[in-house]
Amino acid sequence: MASVLDQPLPGATTRKIGGVTVDEVPAGSGRVKRIVYPAGWRWSTDMRPVSGTERCMHAHVGFLAQGKIGIQYADGCRAEFTAPAVVAIPPDHDGWVLGPEAAVLIQFDWAGDSVTRLGLAAHRH
């Protein structure tokens, strides 16, 4: 039986990039995204060639509805999130899916202005 997380999202624009599926819906001045990261996915392997940056430079704030993810910042600091979990990840990180199931993140953002609006300009200890 398919999960409700796998169902089509009415009103969404869907795109595939770097191995992930992104469903995006406008919400006020921002947007809500459902991002599906498949098992075995890793930013530095799958997305780096697309982005052209050393690490992910986006901020991610949302709800991890399924799966488990790991991240590592440029300074070597690591974190893991297991669904259900609220995530707030500043830019300049690598990320990957842990375990055998896809990770599904419901993310809130403001395109190129997310870092400023969310106050996540840098990773801090």
Foldseek 3Di string as FASTA:
>chain_A
DDDPLPDDDPQWDWDDALQKIWTWHDDVLWIKIKIKHFAPDKCCVRPCVVPVDNWFQDWWWFFWAAAKKKKAAPVGDIDIDHPGDTDTGHGRMMMHTDDHGIIITTTIANVPCRCVVVVRHDDDD
